């Protein structure tokens, strides 16, 4: 009896095996382009570099269709506030403002 059950189980498993290669899964078109291969974030330290990096990300996102003009403009307004803080010597406040803006608009810390 045990042999019969084992034989049936082996036959059932064998029936599941296929010699055909797996069919590729269709990918949905994204409708937007990706970041260019040569894209690099600005380097440096301090509030000016923090602002420049986030602006570069936003410029890339608007150019590739990953954000809207409305959101881009809102973030640019926030970066202008950060520019003012940075230029007036409030580097910590400017960098904090960049981080808060990133978080508010769903961009991970960076």
Protein backbone atom coordinates (compact mmCIF):
# COMPACT_ATOMS: atom_id res chain seq x y z
CA UNK A 1 0.00 0.00 0.00
CA UNK A 2 2.81 2.38 0.94
CA UNK A 3 4.56 1.62 -2.35
CA UNK A 4 1.42 2.43 -4.31
CA UNK A 5 1.03 5.80 -2.55
CA UNK A 6 4.70 6.60 -3.13
CA UNK A 7 4.43 5.64 -6.80
CA UNK A 8 1.35 7.85 -7.27
CA UNK A 9 3.09 10.76 -5.54
CA UNK A 10 6.17 10.38 -7.76
CA UNK A 11 4.04 10.22 -10.90
CA UNK A 12 2.14 13.33 -9.82
CA UNK A 13 5.37 15.23 -9.19
CA UNK A 14 6.78 14.09 -12.52
CA UNK A 15 3.72 15.39 -14.30
CA UNK A 16 4.44 18.85 -12.90
CA UNK A 17 7.86 18.96 -14.54
CA UNK A 18 8.07 20.55 -17.95
CA UNK A 19 10.87 20.57 -20.48
CA UNK A 20 9.64 23.84 -22.01
CA UNK A 21 11.57 26.96 -21.05
CA UNK A 22 9.63 29.41 -18.86
CA UNK A 23 7.73 32.07 -20.75
CA UNK A 24 8.95 35.63 -20.17
CA UNK A 25 6.74 37.81 -18.04
CA UNK A 26 5.43 40.78 -19.97
CA UNK A 27 6.62 44.10 -18.61
CA UNK A 28 4.24 47.02 -18.60
CA UNK A 29 5.61 50.09 -20.34
CA UNK A 30 6.56 52.73 -17.82
CA UNK A 31 5.86 55.73 -20.00
CA UNK A 32 8.79 57.65 -18.56
CA UNK A 33 12.49 57.59 -19.14
CA UNK A 34 15.07 56.64 -16.56
CA UNK A 35 17.90 58.62 -15.07
CA UNK A 36 20.69 59.15 -17.62
CA UNK A 37 23.72 56.91 -17.20
CA UNK A 38 26.04 59.85 -16.54
CA UNK A 39 23.90 61.41 -13.79
CA UNK A 40 25.99 62.43 -10.78
CA UNK A 41 24.94 64.28 -7.66
CA UNK A 42 26.93 67.39 -6.80
CA UNK A 43 29.65 66.79 -4.24
CA UNK A 44 30.68 68.87 -1.29
CA UNK A 45 29.64 69.51 2.26
CA UNK A 46 27.47 71.96 4.08
CA UNK A 47 24.13 73.51 3.36
CA UNK A 48 24.97 74.69 -0.16
CA UNK A 49 25.86 71.13 -1.17
CA UNK A 50 22.70 69.74 0.48
CA UNK A 51 20.59 72.20 -1.51
CA UNK A 52 22.46 71.52 -4.76
CA UNK A 53 22.04 67.74 -4.39
CA UNK A 54 18.31 67.96 -3.81
CA UNK A 55 17.92 70.39 -6.69
CA UNK A 56 19.79 67.95 -8.96
CA UNK A 57 17.44 65.14 -7.91
CA UNK A 58 14.42 67.34 -8.59
CA UNK A 59 15.79 68.49 -11.95
CA UNK A 60 16.25 64.85 -12.94
CA UNK A 61 12.76 63.94 -11.70
CA UNK A 62 11.05 66.70 -13.68
CA UNK A 63 13.07 65.85 -16.81
CA UNK A 64 12.23 62.14 -16.59
CA UNK A 65 8.56 62.63 -15.72
CA UNK A 66 8.84 61.33 -12.15
CA UNK A 67 7.28 64.45 -10.70
CA UNK A 68 4.90 67.17 -11.79
CA UNK A 69 5.67 70.82 -12.47
CA UNK A 70 3.46 71.80 -9.52
CA UNK A 71 5.46 69.66 -7.08
CA UNK A 72 8.74 70.77 -8.65
CA UNK A 73 7.76 74.43 -8.16
CA UNK A 74 6.70 73.84 -4.55
CA UNK A 75 10.01 72.18 -3.75
CA UNK A 76 11.96 74.93 -5.53
CA UNK A 77 10.17 77.47 -3.32
CA UNK A 78 11.34 75.52 -0.28
CA UNK A 79 14.90 75.39 -1.66
CA UNK A 80 14.85 79.18 -2.07
CA UNK A 81 14.06 79.44 1.66
CA UNK A 82 16.95 77.07 2.36
CA UNK A 83 19.20 79.23 0.14
CA UNK A 84 18.34 82.30 2.21
CA UNK A 85 19.06 80.50 5.49
CA UNK A 86 22.34 79.13 4.14
CA UNK A 87 23.48 82.52 2.82
CA UNK A 88 22.68 84.20 6.14
CA UNK A 89 24.93 81.79 8.03
CA UNK A 90 22.26 79.43 9.33
CA UNK A 91 23.82 76.31 7.80
CA UNK A 92 22.21 73.92 10.28
CA UNK A 93 18.78 75.39 9.74
CA UNK A 94 19.17 75.29 5.96
CA UNK A 95 20.26 71.63 5.96
CA UNK A 96 17.42 70.78 8.34
CA UNK A 97 14.99 72.57 6.02
CA UNK A 98 16.24 70.49 3.07
CA UNK A 99 15.80 67.27 5.08
CA UNK A 100 12.30 68.29 6.18
CA UNK A 101 11.31 69.18 2.61
CA UNK A 102 12.62 65.86 1.31
CA UNK A 103 10.63 63.99 3.96
CA UNK A 104 7.46 66.01 3.38
CA UNK A 105 7.55 65.23 -0.36
CA UNK A 106 8.46 61.55 0.09
CA UNK A 107 12.16 61.63 -0.79
CA UNK A 108 14.34 59.43 1.40
CA UNK A 109 17.11 60.99 3.44
CA UNK A 110 20.28 61.40 1.49
